Amino acid sequence: MRIADTAINVVRAAVSSVTDPEYADLTIQQLGILEDVVADSISIRVDLVPTILGCPALDVIEKDVVAAARASGYDVTVRFCMSPIWTPDRISEDARQILAEEYVVTIRPREGPTKCPLCGNTALQPRSDVGGTACRSVEWCPDCRNPVEVVRSRQMGER
């Protein structure tokens, strides 16, 4: 294994554990934000895919990634990638479960109805095209009478 490979593995392990500022139970790896860690002969770069351009959490995530890498013994630069485009498909299954159970957040599927994470109702009613952040909308569940945040993506034909 080359030194660069070792450095990449150490940095990847360190930055994979960086948590999202909005969801302290979830890492940027679980949310599909961490794209890659690459090295050349003089530097290491961490590539991140923002959930949405202009996300207010990007500065915090960048600082946390740099701090995690530094704590592992390496300095890195962070690059926010415009390709690939982030979609909810990048969210891991365990993260989806945590979002549903802890935050009442569901993922809009590519096909079929969106389900309430609390009761499973598929007749959610739109309330706001923009939720707490621009990558989420708000819907209402008439059965359990709860607001539900729905993670969405620019690629999924959103309203």
C-alpha atoms as a PDB file:
ATOM      1  CA  MET A   1       0.000   0.000   0.000  1.00  0.00           C
ATOM      2  CA  ARG A   2       1.390   3.409  -0.963  1.00  0.00           C
ATOM      3  CA  ILE A   3       1.558   6.240   1.556  1.00  0.00           C
ATOM      4  CA  ALA A   4      -1.188   8.032  -0.382  1.00  0.00           C
ATOM      5  CA  ASP A   5      -3.477   4.989   0.001  1.00  0.00           C
ATOM      6  CA  THR A   6      -2.869   4.915   3.744  1.00  0.00           C
ATOM      7  CA  ALA A   7      -3.565   8.634   4.038  1.00  0.00           C
ATOM      8  CA  ILE A   8      -6.774   8.308   2.016  1.00  0.00           C
ATOM      9  CA  ASN A   9      -7.992   5.462   4.229  1.00  0.00           C
ATOM     10  CA  VAL A  10      -7.218   7.349   7.444  1.00  0.00           C
ATOM     11  CA  VAL A  11      -8.868  10.549   6.221  1.00  0.00           C
ATOM     12  CA  ARG A  12     -11.900   8.686   4.861  1.00  0.00           C
ATOM     13  CA  ALA A  13     -12.408   6.964   8.231  1.00  0.00           C
ATOM     14  CA  ALA A  14     -12.094  10.283  10.062  1.00  0.00           C
ATOM     15  CA  VAL A  15     -14.414  12.322   7.849  1.00  0.00           C
ATOM     16  CA  SER A  16     -16.960   9.504   7.499  1.00  0.00           C
ATOM     17  CA  SER A  17     -17.810  10.036  11.155  1.00  0.00           C
ATOM     18  CA  VAL A  18     -18.568  13.768  10.756  1.00  0.00           C
ATOM     19  CA  THR A  19     -22.182  14.345  11.730  1.00  0.00           C
ATOM     20  CA  ASP A  20     -24.670  16.500   9.898  1.00  0.00           C
ATOM     21  CA  PRO A  21     -25.403  19.827  11.681  1.00  0.00           C
ATOM     22  CA  GLU A  22     -29.169  19.274  11.425  1.00  0.00           C
ATOM     23  CA  TYR A  23     -29.233  15.579  12.310  1.00  0.00           C
ATOM     24  CA  ALA A  24     -26.735  14.889  15.080  1.00  0.00           C
ATOM     25  CA  ASP A  25     -27.488  11.144  14.869  1.00  0.00           C
ATOM     26  CA  LEU A  26     -26.437  10.921  11.213  1.00  0.00           C
ATOM     27  CA  THR A  27     -23.106  11.203   9.465  1.00  0.00           C
ATOM     28  CA  ILE A  28     -22.342  12.819   6.147  1.00  0.00           C
ATOM     29  CA  GLN A  29     -21.498   9.308   4.925  1.00  0.00           C
ATOM     30  CA  GLN A  30     -24.972   7.989   5.834  1.00  0.00           C
ATOM     31  CA  LEU A  31     -26.626  10.987   4.168  1.00  0.00           C
ATOM     32  CA  GLY A  32     -24.671  10.483   0.953  1.00  0.00           C
ATOM     33  CA  ILE A  33     -22.854  13.811   1.175  1.00  0.00           C
ATOM     34  CA  LEU A  34     -19.339  12.307   1.300  1.00  0.00           C
ATOM     35  CA  GLU A  35     -18.406  11.545  -2.305  1.00  0.00           C
ATOM     36  CA  ASP A  36     -14.676  10.783  -2.286  1.00  0.00           C
ATOM     37  CA  VAL A  37     -11.271  11.297  -0.727  1.00  0.00           C
ATOM     38  CA  VAL A  38      -8.458  11.723  -3.225  1.00  0.00           C
ATOM     39  CA  ALA A  39      -4.741  12.386  -2.902  1.00  0.00           C
ATOM     40  CA  ASP A  40      -1.922  13.373  -5.173  1.00  0.00           C
ATOM     41  CA  SER A  41       1.733  13.619  -4.261  1.00  0.00           C
ATOM     42  CA  ILE A  42       1.279  16.787  -2.180  1.00  0.00           C
ATOM     43  CA  SER A  43      -2.333  17.143  -1.019  1.00  0.00           C
ATOM     44  CA  ILE A  44      -5.518  15.384   0.042  1.00  0.00           C
ATOM     45  CA  ARG A  45      -8.932  16.540  -1.049  1.00  0.00           C
ATOM     46  CA  VAL A  46     -12.346  15.586   0.306  1.00  0.00           C
ATOM     47  CA  ASP A  47     -15.164  15.794  -2.232  1.00  0.00           C
ATOM     48  CA  LEU A  48     -18.653  16.482  -0.892  1.00  0.00           C
ATOM     49  CA  VAL A  49     -21.985  16.550  -2.708  1.00  0.00           C
ATOM     50  CA  PRO A  50     -24.306  19.208  -1.267  1.00  0.00           C
ATOM     51  CA  THR A  51     -27.920  18.180  -0.816  1.00  0.00           C
ATOM     52  CA  ILE A  52     -28.891  21.461  -2.412  1.00  0.00           C
ATOM     53  CA  LEU A  53     -26.887  24.433  -3.664  1.00  0.00           C
ATOM     54  CA  GLY A  54     -26.796  27.195  -1.096  1.00  0.00           C
ATOM     55  CA  CYS A  55     -27.416  24.837   1.825  1.00  0.00           C
ATOM     56  CA  PRO A  56     -26.727  26.883   4.973  1.00  0.00           C
ATOM     57  CA  ALA A  57     -25.002  23.900   6.617  1.00  0.00           C
ATOM     58  CA  LEU A  58     -22.196  23.658   4.039  1.00  0.00           C
ATOM     59  CA  ASP A  59     -19.812  25.952   5.921  1.00  0.00           C
ATOM     60  CA  VAL A  60     -20.274  23.972   9.133  1.00  0.00           C
ATOM     61  CA  ILE A  61     -19.812  20.652   7.341  1.00  0.00           C
ATOM     62  CA  GLU A  62     -16.660  21.908   5.641  1.00  0.00           C
ATOM     63  CA  LYS A  63     -15.150  23.088   8.950  1.00  0.00           C
ATOM     64  CA  ASP A  64     -16.058  19.803  10.649  1.00  0.00           C
ATOM     65  CA  VAL A  65     -14.506  17.760   7.815  1.00  0.00           C
ATOM     66  CA  VAL A  66     -11.285  19.791   7.961  1.00  0.00           C
ATOM     67  CA  ALA A  67     -11.176  19.427  11.769  1.00  0.00           C
ATOM     68  CA  ALA A  68     -11.767  15.657  11.615  1.00  0.00           C
ATOM     69  CA  ALA A  69      -9.026  15.206   9.020  1.00  0.00           C
ATOM     70  CA  ARG A  70      -6.657  17.405  11.010  1.00  0.00           C
ATOM     71  CA  ALA A  71      -7.369  15.375  14.168  1.00  0.00           C
ATOM     72  CA  SER A  72      -6.365  12.258  12.202  1.00  0.00           C
ATOM     73  CA  GLY A  73      -3.047  13.891  11.310  1.00  0.00           C
ATOM     74  CA  TYR A  74      -3.781  15.251   7.846  1.00  0.00           C
ATOM     75  CA  ASP A  75      -4.606  18.612   6.321  1.00  0.00           C
ATOM     76  CA  VAL A  76      -7.211  18.530   3.576  1.00  0.00           C
ATOM     77  CA  THR A  77      -9.029  20.793   1.202  1.00  0.00           C
ATOM     78  CA  VAL A  78     -12.750  20.409   0.640  1.00  0.00           C
ATOM     79  CA  ARG A  79     -14.403  20.598  -2.747  1.00  0.00           C
ATOM     80  CA  PHE A  80     -18.170  20.784  -3.190  1.00  0.00           C
ATOM     81  CA  CYS A  81     -19.033  18.829  -6.327  1.00  0.00           C
ATOM     82  CA  MET A  82     -21.774  19.825  -8.717  1.00  0.00           C
ATOM     83  CA  SER A  83     -21.736  16.333 -10.196  1.00  0.00           C
ATOM     84  CA  PRO A  84     -23.077  13.896  -9.359  1.00  0.00           C
ATOM     85  CA  ILE A  85     -26.190  15.667  -8.190  1.00  0.00           C
ATOM     86  CA  TRP A  86     -27.267  14.602  -4.713  1.00  0.00           C
ATOM     87  CA  THR A  87     -30.519  12.667  -4.597  1.00  0.00           C
ATOM     88  CA  PRO A  88     -32.275  10.966  -1.681  1.00  0.00           C
ATOM     89  CA  ASP A  89     -31.176   7.650  -3.229  1.00  0.00           C
ATOM     90  CA  ARG A  90     -27.784   8.378  -1.652  1.00  0.00           C
ATOM     91  CA  ILE A  91     -29.226   8.140   1.894  1.00  0.00           C
ATOM     92  CA  SER A  92     -28.408   4.804   3.524  1.00  0.00           C
ATOM     93  CA  GLU A  93     -31.160   2.512   4.790  1.00  0.00           C
ATOM     94  CA  ASP A  94     -30.124   2.942   8.431  1.00  0.00           C
ATOM     95  CA  ALA A  95     -30.224   6.724   8.007  1.00  0.00           C
ATOM     96  CA  ARG A  96     -33.714   6.497   6.506  1.00  0.00           C
ATOM     97  CA  GLN A  97     -34.882   4.580   9.551  1.00  0.00           C
ATOM     98  CA  ILE A  98     -33.353   7.124  11.959  1.00  0.00           C
ATOM     99  CA  LEU A  99     -34.877  10.022   9.991  1.00  0.00           C
ATOM    100  CA  ALA A 100     -38.305   8.389  10.187  1.00  0.00           C
ATOM    101  CA  GLU A 101     -38.195   7.331  13.839  1.00  0.00           C
ATOM    102  CA  GLU A 102     -36.358  10.256  15.386  1.00  0.00           C
ATOM    103  CA  TYR A 103     -37.199  13.220  13.168  1.00  0.00           C
ATOM    104  CA  VAL A 104     -40.521  12.354  11.431  1.00  0.00           C
ATOM    105  CA  VAL A 105     -38.788  12.773   8.092  1.00  0.00           C
ATOM    106  CA  THR A 106     -39.514  10.572   5.110  1.00  0.00           C
ATOM    107  CA  ILE A 107     -37.986  10.222   1.670  1.00  0.00           C
ATOM    108  CA  ARG A 108     -40.099  10.891  -1.408  1.00  0.00           C
ATOM    109  CA  PRO A 109     -39.820   7.721  -3.509  1.00  0.00           C
ATOM    110  CA  ARG A 110     -39.155   7.852  -7.245  1.00  0.00           C
ATOM    111  CA  GLU A 111     -42.382   5.945  -7.817  1.00  0.00           C
ATOM    112  CA  GLY A 112     -45.480   5.509  -5.725  1.00  0.00           C
ATOM    113  CA  PRO A 113     -46.863   7.501  -2.836  1.00  0.00           C
ATOM    114  CA  THR A 114     -44.915   9.049  -0.002  1.00  0.00           C
ATOM    115  CA  LYS A 115     -45.667   7.319   3.325  1.00  0.00           C
ATOM    116  CA  CYS A 116     -46.039   8.878   6.742  1.00  0.00           C
ATOM    117  CA  PRO A 117     -43.110   7.570   8.806  1.00  0.00           C
ATOM    118  CA  LEU A 118     -45.321   7.313  11.912  1.00  0.00           C
ATOM    119  CA  CYS A 119     -48.471   5.549  10.724  1.00  0.00           C
ATOM    120  CA  GLY A 120     -47.777   4.529   7.115  1.00  0.00           C
ATOM    121  CA  ASN A 121     -50.606   6.587   5.600  1.00  0.00           C
ATOM    122  CA  THR A 122     -50.038   7.305   1.903  1.00  0.00           C
ATOM    123  CA  ALA A 123     -52.555  10.157   1.630  1.00  0.00           C
ATOM    124  CA  LEU A 124     -50.254  12.931   2.827  1.00  0.00           C
ATOM    125  CA  GLN A 125     -51.430  16.449   2.070  1.00  0.00           C
ATOM    126  CA  PRO A 126     -48.969  19.092   0.800  1.00  0.00           C
ATOM    127  CA  ARG A 127     -48.532  22.057   3.150  1.00  0.00           C
ATOM    128  CA  SER A 128     -45.358  23.862   2.033  1.00  0.00           C
ATOM    129  CA  ASP A 129     -42.967  23.411  -0.883  1.00  0.00           C
ATOM    130  CA  VAL A 130     -40.106  24.413   1.404  1.00  0.00           C
ATOM    131  CA  GLY A 131     -39.581  22.984   4.880  1.00  0.00           C
ATOM    132  CA  GLY A 132     -36.909  23.733   7.441  1.00  0.00           C
ATOM    133  CA  THR A 133     -34.450  23.779   4.548  1.00  0.00           C
ATOM    134  CA  ALA A 134     -34.875  24.049   0.782  1.00  0.00           C
ATOM    135  CA  CYS A 135     -34.232  20.306   0.299  1.00  0.00           C
ATOM    136  CA  ARG A 136     -37.344  19.399   2.306  1.00  0.00           C
ATOM    137  CA  SER A 137     -41.038  20.083   1.899  1.00  0.00           C
ATOM    138  CA  VAL A 138     -43.762  19.770   4.525  1.00  0.00           C
ATOM    139  CA  GLU A 139     -46.805  17.560   4.251  1.00  0.00           C
ATOM    140  CA  TRP A 140     -49.607  16.754   6.696  1.00  0.00           C
ATOM    141  CA  CYS A 141     -50.789  13.305   7.711  1.00  0.00           C
ATOM    142  CA  PRO A 142     -54.558  13.362   8.240  1.00  0.00           C
ATOM    143  CA  ASP A 143     -54.512   9.998  10.056  1.00  0.00           C
ATOM    144  CA  CYS A 144     -51.991  10.626  12.830  1.00  0.00           C
ATOM    145  CA  ARG A 145     -52.334  14.420  12.505  1.00  0.00           C
ATOM    146  CA  ASN A 146     -48.622  15.132  12.316  1.00  0.00           C
ATOM    147  CA  PRO A 147     -46.566  17.328  10.024  1.00  0.00           C
ATOM    148  CA  VAL A 148     -44.075  15.279   8.026  1.00  0.00           C
ATOM    149  CA  GLU A 149     -40.921  16.643   6.453  1.00  0.00           C
ATOM    150  CA  VAL A 150     -40.239  15.083   3.070  1.00  0.00           C
ATOM    151  CA  VAL A 151     -36.698  14.951   1.678  1.00  0.00           C
ATOM    152  CA  ARG A 152     -36.780  15.794  -1.991  1.00  0.00           C
ATOM    153  CA  SER A 153     -34.416  16.235  -4.889  1.00  0.00           C
ATOM    154  CA  ARG A 154     -34.134  18.448  -7.943  1.00  0.00           C
ATOM    155  CA  GLN A 155     -33.918  15.318 -10.094  1.00  0.00           C
ATOM    156  CA  MET A 156     -37.162  13.792  -8.944  1.00  0.00           C
ATOM    157  CA  GLY A 157     -39.631  16.038 -10.743  1.00  0.00           C
ATOM    158  CA  GLU A 158     -40.555  17.997  -7.637  1.00  0.00           C
ATOM    159  CA  ARG A 159     -43.469  20.330  -7.636  1.00  0.00           C
END
